[in-house]
Structures are given as structure tokens and as C-alpha cells.
Amino acid sequence: MMVTIHTLPPEIILEILQWHVTIDVCITFCAIFRAAWVCHRWRSVAFGNALFWRTVNLSVNDVRHTEVVTQTFARSGTQPIEIALDLTAPAWAFNGKEKFRGFLELVRPHLRRSSRLEVYADETDWADILTICDGESFPRLDVLIAHCYEDWEVYDDDAEEQDEVIVATSNSTALQAVASPPSPTTLNTSNTGDPISAEALSFPLPPGHRLHKVQLYGMSLSDVILPHLRHVSIVQAFSDIVSANGILHPLLFNTVAHLELEQIYVPPMTAQTHAELPLSPLRSLVLSGLRATPHVEDGADAEHDCHPFFSSLSTLELRSLELQRFHATGRVWPDFLASLSSAQDRYPRVSSLVLREMPFDDLGPDELNSFLGSFPALQGLELRQCSDVGSRMIQNLNTYPKLCPLLQGLLVDGASVSREAV
């Protein structure tokens, strides 16, 4: 007997739709709507299954379509959902402030069902966005990402691409929305229009929240209690990220296995503050473009010793290390090398090492040997845009067979180089 698409059982239709959903989240809605055009039965299956509406993507254009927004959330039923708000230009500029606030009020009741929350918005909209989050406990939230665009030029097509900032936090005092420099010192409040300090904005999550992944991009963080936190990424943060005693806040890092620090200020540390930093055993570490001064414009005279910071990192269980864009003339790179020489067993289990745009030009053969000798368990080494250091490393490895004995070769700018080749 021939089976047509009109006679397929609901289970088969659900399986077909599920393939679309799992292949690419971005085409989920298109796939569902196209399936709804097949016939009335397919429409009922597509719109009646809450599992297909677990990802809700809304943009600036949806601010004007409140009925669509309402129906989209309603179709997800009571299922946990992933919410993405793509407000990549000031929503009020296109729709009016009151209409934008009305749109956010439609989102508010569903925040407690969100397992992943992404917000991409201009800084002028952040006060309104945080207002709808105030008082919400986010009981299902595991991942929080938010991009804050600053100085957006609404009608200037030639304006340079704005920096993105990603934020995440755990309690009502944890997140200060501090944009990367240069940035305005005040933002407009949502209710009165009076200016409010950027540092006063915080994402309100309760202490001890279940959040396990945070990405901080251009934001400050303090007073954080995240017992389930495993993944931390911090990019373009100010010195405000350090706690009152001048160190990275220990409560943020005492459960973290994966840590990424990019373009941030490495805070000065004394022996006392070093002892007060109970970092958990890291498994993966990415360090990129670090600086030894609070502000980019500060001169070399303002740099401080970064050796204590590198020594404070708990790296005995580290398996993966990536170093990127250390400045050749600053203190960060020499201080990192000094931390290696002061403790040869600092990275005993690192098996994967990635070096990108690192200043190896001034390192001689003995210094290269000392560097490679710090990673006795190394099995994979990748170099990206690191001048000719790849050939020099191969020569040293061939000259000293006991150096990184498990390492068979290098990957240099995408090309594999065998250890036996000189």
C-alpha cells in the first residue's frame, strides 16, 4: 500500500521535523513554518509540539509585532527555553521607547523558563532590559550571554563596527555594566530618564545560583558566589574585576575548570593576596593580550610585576594551554617566562599547547629549551603567526631528544612539521 505525506503518522512527521531542529537551530523556524504549509495535519503537528519552540529568537523587528511574540512563547508551553534577543541597534530608535518597554514586558514572564539567555543590545537599552530581570530568580538558567554595544550610530552606514561585550553574573551585586573605553559615564534609566552610573547596573541573580558558564566581555565582576561555575571567559575587562583586596575575586574561580582571560589588566598581587586566591585546579587555560597596567593608554612606567599572578594559577592539573598576543615590549611576557623558570613543574600535565602571535624573536636556543622543558607531557604544539620560531623549535627538539619526548611534531600555520625534519 502506498503511503503519501498526507497519511504519515504524527510520529514520522515529528521525526522529520526533529531532523531540521537538530541540524541547525537557525533554520528551525523556517523548517517548522514550511512544514506547516504542507497540509492541515502537518500544521497541527508543527505548531502543537512545544519541543520545537524551545529556542526563541527575537530581533528589533519583532518589537512591532507583539502578537507574533506572544504566540511564539505560548507554543513552547511550559518547556525550558533558550531566549535570544538580537537588539543590535537601539530598539527605541526604530520603535519608540514605550513600545520597546512593552516588548520587554512580553518577554518578562518567560525568563524563569530560560535555560540559556542571550542579549545583544545597545547600551542605551540596557537599563530597560535589566529592569525586567529585576526580582527574577532564573531557576533554570545555566548559560547567560549578553552583548552591549556602545556609541551606536543609528543612521551612519559608514560607522565602524562596534565592539561587543558579553556579560554574565550570579547575584544582584555581581555585574557592573562597564563598557570598554572610551565609554560614556552614564546611561539613561528606564523609568525617569535621569542618568545612572554604568557601574550601578547589575544583573540580578541570587547567590548560589546554578549558572555554570559565564562569558564576560568588557564587563566588571565582583561579590560573586557561583558554586556550580565551570567555564569563565573574560574579555576587555577593567581593573574593577579585581576585588577590594586587589586580586581577582576568589569566589569567581574556586570551581572553574576552563578559564579564558583576554585583553584584561593583570592585577598586582602581594604574597598575602597570592595566598588568599584559592583557584581551583584548571584543566584548560587561555591567556590573550594581557596587560600590566589598568588602562591601555598607561605607559610602560606604570607596569607592575605580573609574576605573582602567573604563579597563583593552579596549573598542576592543566591539560590545555593557549597563549595569544603577548606584547614583546611589555612586562607580561618576560614575567610569564620568569614564572616558568621559577618552577619547572608548573605545567607537568599540559598535553596541548597553542601559541598565537607570540614574541619569540628575542629568545635564544637556551631560552627556547627552558620554555619547552616546562611542558614535559606535551603531545600537540600549534604555532600561529609566530615568525620563524617553528623551525628553531624543531632544531632544538631534534638536538635534545629528551625534550618533550611525547611530542612528534608541530603544526605551524596549518602545516604539519615532523620532529625528524631539520
Protein backbone atom coordinates (compact mmCIF):
# COMPACT_ATOMS: atom_id res chain seq x y z
CA MET A 1 0.00 0.00 0.00
CA MET A 2 1.36 3.42 -0.97
CA VAL A 3 1.86 5.88 1.86
CA THR A 4 1.64 9.58 0.99
CA ILE A 5 2.74 12.56 3.00
CA HIS A 6 -0.90 13.15 3.90
CA THR A 7 -1.15 9.78 5.63
CA LEU A 8 2.13 9.78 7.52
CA PRO A 9 1.60 9.15 11.23
CA PRO A 10 2.36 12.05 13.58
CA GLU A 11 5.42 10.19 14.91
CA ILE A 12 7.05 10.20 11.45
CA ILE A 13 6.24 13.88 10.92
CA LEU A 14 7.77 14.68 14.30
CA GLU A 15 10.89 12.72 13.33
CA ILE A 16 11.21 14.68 10.08
CA LEU A 17 10.86 17.99 11.89
CA GLN A 18 13.26 16.89 14.60
CA TRP A 19 15.99 16.40 12.00
CA HIS A 20 15.60 20.04 10.96
CA VAL A 21 15.73 21.19 14.56
CA THR A 22 18.87 19.25 15.44
CA ILE A 23 20.80 20.09 12.27
CA ASP A 24 20.76 23.87 12.69
CA VAL A 25 18.91 25.94 15.24
CA CYS A 26 18.95 28.93 12.87
CA ILE A 27 16.68 27.17 10.36
CA THR A 28 14.33 25.70 12.95
CA PHE A 29 11.57 28.26 12.50
CA CYS A 30 11.81 28.21 8.70
CA ALA A 31 11.60 24.43 8.72
CA ILE A 32 8.58 24.41 11.00
CA PHE A 33 6.69 27.04 9.01
CA ARG A 34 7.42 25.28 5.73
CA ALA A 35 6.19 22.03 7.21
CA ALA A 36 3.02 23.84 8.29
CA TRP A 37 2.31 24.72 4.66
CA VAL A 38 2.10 21.05 3.60
CA CYS A 39 -1.38 20.46 4.93
CA HIS A 40 -3.62 20.97 7.95
CA ARG A 41 -2.29 17.84 9.72
CA TRP A 42 1.29 18.89 9.34
CA ARG A 43 0.42 22.37 10.59
CA SER A 44 -1.19 20.90 13.70
CA VAL A 45 1.86 18.75 14.40
CA ALA A 46 4.34 21.57 13.78
CA PHE A 47 2.55 24.20 15.86
CA GLY A 48 1.26 21.81 18.50
CA ASN A 49 4.57 20.36 19.67
CA ALA A 50 6.17 22.51 22.34
CA LEU A 51 9.59 20.90 21.85
CA PHE A 52 10.01 22.71 18.52
CA TRP A 53 9.65 26.11 20.17
CA ARG A 54 12.32 25.75 22.83
CA THR A 55 14.56 28.28 21.05
CA VAL A 56 13.03 31.74 20.79
CA ASN A 57 14.94 34.21 18.60
CA LEU A 58 13.62 37.76 18.62
CA SER A 59 15.03 40.84 16.91
CA VAL A 60 14.46 44.59 16.70
CA ASN A 61 11.83 43.96 14.02
CA ASP A 62 9.76 41.87 16.44
CA VAL A 63 9.31 44.85 18.76
CA ARG A 64 6.47 45.96 16.48
CA HIS A 65 4.87 42.50 16.23
CA THR A 66 3.65 41.81 19.73
CA GLU A 67 1.12 39.17 18.63
CA VAL A 68 3.86 37.08 16.98
CA VAL A 69 5.99 37.36 20.10
CA THR A 70 3.10 36.26 22.30
CA GLN A 71 2.28 33.26 20.10
CA THR A 72 5.91 32.20 19.87
CA PHE A 73 6.25 31.97 23.64
CA ALA A 74 2.83 30.34 24.03
CA ARG A 75 3.74 27.50 21.65
CA SER A 76 6.65 26.49 23.88
CA GLY A 77 4.21 25.64 26.66
CA THR A 78 5.99 25.12 29.97
CA GLN A 79 9.17 23.69 28.47
CA PRO A 80 12.59 25.17 29.34
CA ILE A 81 13.52 27.59 26.57
CA GLU A 82 16.54 29.35 25.13
CA ILE A 83 15.91 33.05 24.59
CA ALA A 84 17.98 35.21 22.24
CA LEU A 85 17.23 38.94 21.95
CA ASP A 86 19.06 40.43 18.98
CA LEU A 87 18.68 44.17 19.51
CA THR A 88 21.81 45.14 17.60
CA ALA A 89 20.68 48.74 17.23
CA PRO A 90 18.89 50.90 19.80
CA ALA A 91 15.41 49.41 19.73
CA TRP A 92 13.84 52.68 20.84
CA ALA A 93 15.32 54.49 17.81
CA PHE A 94 13.20 52.42 15.45
CA ASN A 95 10.14 51.69 17.55
CA GLY A 96 9.90 54.28 20.31
CA LYS A 97 10.86 53.79 23.93
CA GLU A 98 7.39 52.88 25.20
CA LYS A 99 6.85 50.27 22.51
CA PHE A 100 10.24 48.76 23.31
CA ARG A 101 9.36 48.55 27.00
CA GLY A 102 6.08 46.88 26.09
CA PHE A 103 8.00 44.32 24.06
CA LEU A 104 10.25 43.58 27.03
CA GLU A 105 7.20 43.10 29.25
CA LEU A 106 6.10 40.32 26.89
CA VAL A 107 9.45 38.63 27.46
CA ARG A 108 9.50 39.06 31.25
CA PRO A 109 7.09 36.23 32.25
CA HIS A 110 9.16 33.66 30.35
CA LEU A 111 12.57 34.47 31.80
CA ARG A 112 12.12 31.97 34.59
CA ARG A 113 11.86 29.18 31.98
CA SER A 114 15.07 30.22 30.24
CA SER A 115 17.98 27.77 30.39
CA ARG A 116 20.11 29.98 28.15
CA LEU A 117 19.72 33.73 27.82
CA GLU A 118 21.47 35.79 25.15
CA VAL A 119 21.03 39.54 24.83
CA TYR A 120 22.55 41.69 22.09
CA ALA A 121 21.69 45.32 22.71
CA ASP A 122 22.87 48.90 22.58
CA GLU A 123 23.98 50.34 25.91
CA THR A 124 21.06 52.80 25.86
CA ASP A 125 18.65 49.84 26.16
CA TRP A 126 20.39 48.02 29.00
CA ALA A 127 18.63 49.81 31.85
CA ASP A 128 15.26 48.70 30.45
CA ILE A 129 16.48 45.15 29.89
CA LEU A 130 17.80 44.82 33.43
CA THR A 131 14.54 46.23 34.78
CA ILE A 132 12.57 43.21 33.52
CA CYS A 133 15.18 40.92 35.07
CA ASP A 134 14.98 42.54 38.49
CA GLY A 135 13.42 40.20 41.04
CA GLU A 136 13.62 37.15 38.76
CA SER A 137 15.44 34.13 40.21
CA PHE A 138 16.12 32.43 36.84
CA PRO A 139 15.74 28.95 38.34
CA ARG A 140 16.62 27.11 35.11
CA LEU A 141 19.37 29.35 33.77
CA ASP A 142 22.67 27.59 33.00
CA VAL A 143 24.28 29.98 30.48
CA LEU A 144 24.00 33.75 30.36
CA ILE A 145 25.44 35.80 27.49
CA ALA A 146 24.82 39.44 26.73
CA HIS A 147 26.41 41.79 24.21
CA CYS A 148 26.42 45.50 24.95
CA TYR A 149 27.10 47.77 22.00
CA GLU A 150 28.30 51.27 22.81
CA ASP A 151 28.14 54.54 20.88
CA TRP A 152 25.88 53.07 18.21
CA GLU A 153 25.38 55.31 15.20
CA VAL A 154 21.85 54.50 14.07
CA TYR A 155 21.82 56.28 10.75
CA ASP A 156 25.54 56.19 9.87
CA ASP A 157 26.16 53.37 7.43
CA ASP A 158 29.88 54.11 7.39
CA ALA A 159 30.34 53.88 11.15
CA GLU A 160 32.99 51.46 12.28
CA GLU A 161 31.85 48.14 13.64
CA GLN A 162 31.16 48.45 17.33
CA ASP A 163 32.81 46.32 19.98
CA GLU A 164 30.79 43.53 21.51
CA VAL A 165 30.70 42.89 25.19
CA ILE A 166 29.44 39.71 26.79
CA VAL A 167 28.28 39.68 30.35
CA ALA A 168 27.26 37.11 32.88
CA THR A 169 26.94 37.06 36.64
CA SER A 170 25.37 35.42 39.67
CA ASN A 171 23.77 37.90 42.05
CA SER A 172 22.36 41.38 42.32
CA THR A 173 25.74 42.98 43.00
CA ALA A 174 27.82 40.85 40.71
CA LEU A 175 27.69 42.61 37.39
CA GLN A 176 28.52 46.18 36.69
CA ALA A 177 27.81 47.14 33.10
CA VAL A 178 31.05 48.94 32.40
CA ALA A 179 31.66 49.32 28.67
CA SER A 180 35.13 49.16 27.18
CA PRO A 181 36.90 52.52 26.79
CA PRO A 182 36.11 55.06 25.61
CA SER A 183 32.59 54.91 27.01
CA PRO A 184 30.04 57.29 28.50
CA THR A 185 29.97 57.55 32.25
CA THR A 186 26.19 57.47 32.49
CA LEU A 187 23.27 55.63 30.99
CA ASN A 188 19.60 56.57 30.95
CA THR A 189 17.36 54.87 33.47
CA SER A 190 14.24 53.14 32.25
CA ASN A 191 11.71 54.95 34.41
CA THR A 192 12.81 58.52 34.99
CA GLY A 193 15.24 59.24 32.19
CA ASP A 194 17.71 60.50 34.77
CA PRO A 195 21.34 59.48 34.22
CA ILE A 196 22.59 56.48 36.13
CA SER A 197 26.17 55.42 36.64
CA ALA A 198 27.14 52.49 34.44
CA GLU A 199 28.65 50.78 37.46
CA ALA A 200 25.23 50.78 39.15
CA LEU A 201 23.72 48.40 36.58
CA SER A 202 23.85 44.78 37.72
CA PHE A 203 22.24 41.59 36.51
CA PRO A 204 20.07 40.34 39.39
CA LEU A 205 20.65 36.65 40.06
CA PRO A 206 20.54 35.23 43.60
CA PRO A 207 23.63 34.00 45.46
CA GLY A 208 24.45 30.34 44.93
CA HIS A 209 22.83 30.27 41.51
CA ARG A 210 23.15 27.17 39.30
CA LEU A 211 24.88 29.08 36.47
CA HIS A 212 27.78 27.00 35.14
CA LYS A 213 29.05 29.09 32.22
CA VAL A 214 29.72 32.83 32.11
CA GLN A 215 31.23 34.99 29.41
CA LEU A 216 32.29 38.49 30.45
CA TYR A 217 33.18 40.77 27.57
CA GLY A 218 34.05 44.31 28.60
CA MET A 219 32.34 43.98 31.97
CA SER A 220 33.34 44.12 35.62
CA LEU A 221 32.53 41.48 38.21
CA SER A 222 32.56 41.37 42.00
CA ASP A 223 30.92 39.67 45.00
CA VAL A 224 30.19 36.51 43.05
CA ILE A 225 29.05 33.24 44.59
CA LEU A 226 28.71 30.60 41.87
CA PRO A 227 29.23 27.12 43.33
CA HIS A 228 28.46 25.39 40.02
CA LEU A 229 30.57 27.60 37.78
CA ARG A 230 32.87 25.64 35.47
CA HIS A 231 33.58 27.88 32.49
CA VAL A 232 34.67 31.53 32.72
CA SER A 233 35.59 33.80 29.82
CA ILE A 234 36.61 37.41 30.48
CA VAL A 235 37.43 39.80 27.64
CA GLN A 236 38.27 43.50 27.79
CA ALA A 237 37.56 43.91 31.49
CA PHE A 238 38.66 46.91 33.52
CA SER A 239 40.64 46.71 36.73
CA ASP A 240 37.26 46.72 38.52
CA ILE A 241 37.30 42.97 38.03
CA VAL A 242 39.66 42.73 40.99
CA SER A 243 38.15 42.59 44.44
CA ALA A 244 38.70 45.08 47.25
CA ASN A 245 41.96 43.43 48.34
CA GLY A 246 43.44 43.81 44.86
CA ILE A 247 43.10 40.30 43.48
CA LEU A 248 40.80 38.52 41.09
CA HIS A 249 37.81 37.63 43.20
CA PRO A 250 38.41 34.11 44.59
CA LEU A 251 34.72 33.23 44.72
CA LEU A 252 34.60 33.51 40.94
CA PHE A 253 37.35 31.00 40.29
CA ASN A 254 37.23 28.39 43.03
CA THR A 255 35.24 25.88 40.95
CA VAL A 256 36.36 26.78 37.43
CA ALA A 257 37.94 24.20 35.12
CA HIS A 258 38.10 26.31 31.96
CA LEU A 259 39.38 29.90 32.17
CA GLU A 260 39.84 32.44 29.36
CA LEU A 261 41.37 35.87 30.02
CA GLU A 262 41.72 38.20 27.05
CA GLN A 263 42.76 41.86 26.85
CA ILE A 264 42.44 42.39 30.57
CA TYR A 265 44.52 44.08 33.22
CA VAL A 266 46.53 41.61 35.28
CA PRO A 267 46.18 42.91 38.84
CA PRO A 268 49.19 43.35 41.12
CA MET A 269 49.48 40.72 43.82
CA THR A 270 51.45 40.52 47.04
CA ALA A 271 52.43 37.36 48.88
CA GLN A 272 49.40 37.83 51.12
CA THR A 273 46.89 38.23 48.31
CA HIS A 274 48.54 35.32 46.50
CA ALA A 275 47.78 33.06 49.46
CA GLU A 276 44.18 34.31 49.53
CA LEU A 277 43.46 33.24 45.94
CA PRO A 278 42.14 29.65 46.11
CA LEU A 279 41.92 28.96 42.40
CA SER A 280 40.57 25.53 41.56
CA PRO A 281 42.67 23.06 39.54
CA LEU A 282 42.31 24.30 35.98
CA ARG A 283 42.00 21.91 33.03
CA SER A 284 42.02 24.48 30.22
CA LEU A 285 43.55 27.97 30.20
CA VAL A 286 43.59 30.70 27.52
CA LEU A 287 45.63 33.88 28.06
CA SER A 288 45.48 36.56 25.34
CA GLY A 289 46.68 40.15 25.10
CA LEU A 290 47.12 40.66 28.84
CA ARG A 291 48.48 43.96 30.09
CA ALA A 292 50.24 45.08 33.27
CA THR A 293 48.56 48.49 33.55
CA PRO A 294 44.95 49.37 34.47
CA HIS A 295 44.36 51.27 31.24
CA VAL A 296 45.57 50.76 27.69
CA GLU A 297 46.90 54.31 27.46
CA ASP A 298 49.13 53.91 30.53
CA GLY A 299 52.84 53.96 29.76
CA ALA A 300 55.50 51.33 30.44
CA ASP A 301 56.48 53.11 33.66
CA ALA A 302 53.11 52.20 35.15
CA GLU A 303 53.55 48.45 34.61
CA HIS A 304 53.87 46.19 37.61
CA ASP A 305 55.24 42.71 38.24
CA CYS A 306 52.93 40.00 36.79
CA HIS A 307 54.99 37.07 38.08
CA PRO A 308 52.86 36.58 41.25
CA PHE A 309 49.69 36.42 39.16
CA PHE A 310 51.02 33.68 36.88
CA SER A 311 52.34 31.81 39.91
CA SER A 312 48.90 31.94 41.54
CA LEU A 313 47.23 30.00 38.74
CA SER A 314 46.57 26.41 39.76
CA THR A 315 48.02 24.58 36.76
CA LEU A 316 49.15 21.20 38.09
CA GLU A 317 46.07 19.53 36.53
CA LEU A 318 46.09 21.70 33.41
CA ARG A 319 45.77 19.78 30.15
CA SER A 320 45.36 22.55 27.56
CA LEU A 321 47.13 25.93 27.40
CA GLU A 322 46.76 28.67 24.78
CA LEU A 323 48.84 31.87 24.73
CA GLN A 324 47.99 34.71 22.35
CA ARG A 325 49.27 38.19 21.50
CA PHE A 326 51.59 38.92 24.42
CA HIS A 327 53.33 42.25 23.77
CA ALA A 328 57.05 41.97 23.09
CA THR A 329 57.92 45.23 24.89
CA GLY A 330 55.73 44.92 27.99
CA ARG A 331 56.27 43.11 31.27
CA VAL A 332 53.67 40.40 30.82
CA TRP A 333 55.70 38.13 28.53
CA PRO A 334 59.01 38.35 30.48
CA ASP A 335 57.14 37.81 33.74
CA PHE A 336 55.39 34.75 32.33
CA LEU A 337 58.75 33.29 31.28
CA ALA A 338 60.12 34.08 34.74
CA SER A 339 57.24 32.15 36.31
CA LEU A 340 58.29 29.13 34.21
CA SER A 341 61.91 29.26 35.27
CA SER A 342 61.00 29.66 38.94
CA ALA A 343 59.06 26.37 38.95
CA GLN A 344 59.90 23.77 36.32
CA ASP A 345 56.93 21.61 37.30
CA ARG A 346 54.32 24.34 36.85
CA TYR A 347 52.74 22.66 33.79
CA PRO A 348 53.54 18.95 34.25
CA ARG A 349 50.41 17.60 32.50
CA VAL A 350 49.84 20.02 29.65
CA SER A 351 49.44 17.88 26.52
CA SER A 352 48.15 20.59 24.14
CA LEU A 353 49.85 23.97 23.66
CA VAL A 354 48.75 26.67 21.19
CA LEU A 355 50.90 29.78 20.61
CA ARG A 356 49.50 32.61 18.51
CA GLU A 357 51.36 35.83 17.63
CA MET A 358 53.80 35.35 20.48
CA PRO A 359 57.10 37.29 20.69
CA PHE A 360 59.72 34.51 20.44
CA ASP A 361 62.15 36.51 18.28
CA ASP A 362 64.37 37.56 21.18
CA LEU A 363 64.57 34.09 22.73
CA GLY A 364 67.82 32.21 22.17
CA PRO A 365 68.27 28.41 21.99
CA ASP A 366 68.72 28.02 25.75
CA GLU A 367 65.61 30.10 26.47
CA LEU A 368 63.61 28.06 23.95
CA ASN A 369 64.81 24.87 25.63
CA SER A 370 63.75 26.24 29.01
CA PHE A 371 60.36 27.14 27.60
CA LEU A 372 59.75 23.72 26.00
CA GLY A 373 61.13 21.96 29.06
CA SER A 374 58.29 23.42 31.12
CA PHE A 375 55.87 21.10 29.27
CA PRO A 376 57.24 17.55 29.69
CA ALA A 377 53.92 15.87 28.80
CA LEU A 378 53.39 17.88 25.60
CA GLN A 379 51.87 15.89 22.73
CA GLY A 380 50.50 18.63 20.49
CA LEU A 381 52.08 22.02 19.72
CA GLU A 382 50.48 24.53 17.34
CA LEU A 383 52.09 27.79 16.24
CA ARG A 384 50.16 30.57 14.52
CA GLN A 385 51.92 33.65 13.16
CA CYS A 386 54.93 33.24 15.42
CA SER A 387 57.65 34.21 12.94
CA ASP A 388 60.33 31.52 12.39
CA VAL A 389 60.20 30.04 15.88
CA GLY A 390 58.76 26.80 14.47
CA SER A 391 61.95 25.86 12.63
CA ARG A 392 64.07 26.84 15.63
CA MET A 393 61.93 24.72 17.95
CA ILE A 394 62.26 21.72 15.63
CA GLN A 395 66.03 22.11 15.61
CA ASN A 396 66.12 22.19 19.41
CA LEU A 397 63.81 19.19 19.68
CA ASN A 398 65.96 17.17 17.30
CA THR A 399 69.13 18.20 19.12
CA TYR A 400 67.73 17.26 22.53
CA PRO A 401 65.66 14.04 22.23
CA LYS A 402 64.70 14.11 25.90
CA LEU A 403 62.99 17.49 25.41
CA CYS A 404 59.20 16.90 25.23
CA PRO A 405 59.66 13.18 24.48
CA LEU A 406 55.98 12.64 23.62
CA LEU A 407 55.92 15.43 21.02
CA GLN A 408 56.25 14.04 17.48
CA GLY A 409 55.95 17.28 15.58
CA LEU A 410 54.47 20.77 15.29
CA LEU A 411 51.61 22.39 13.44
CA VAL A 412 52.95 25.66 12.03
CA ASP A 413 50.36 27.96 10.44
CA GLY A 414 48.30 24.93 9.46
CA ALA A 415 51.24 22.92 8.07
CA SER A 416 52.45 19.82 9.86
CA VAL A 417 56.20 19.68 10.56
CA SER A 418 57.70 16.39 11.69
CA ARG A 419 60.17 16.33 14.56
CA GLU A 420 62.63 14.36 12.44
CA ALA A 421 62.80 17.11 9.79
CA VAL A 422 65.54 19.69 10.36
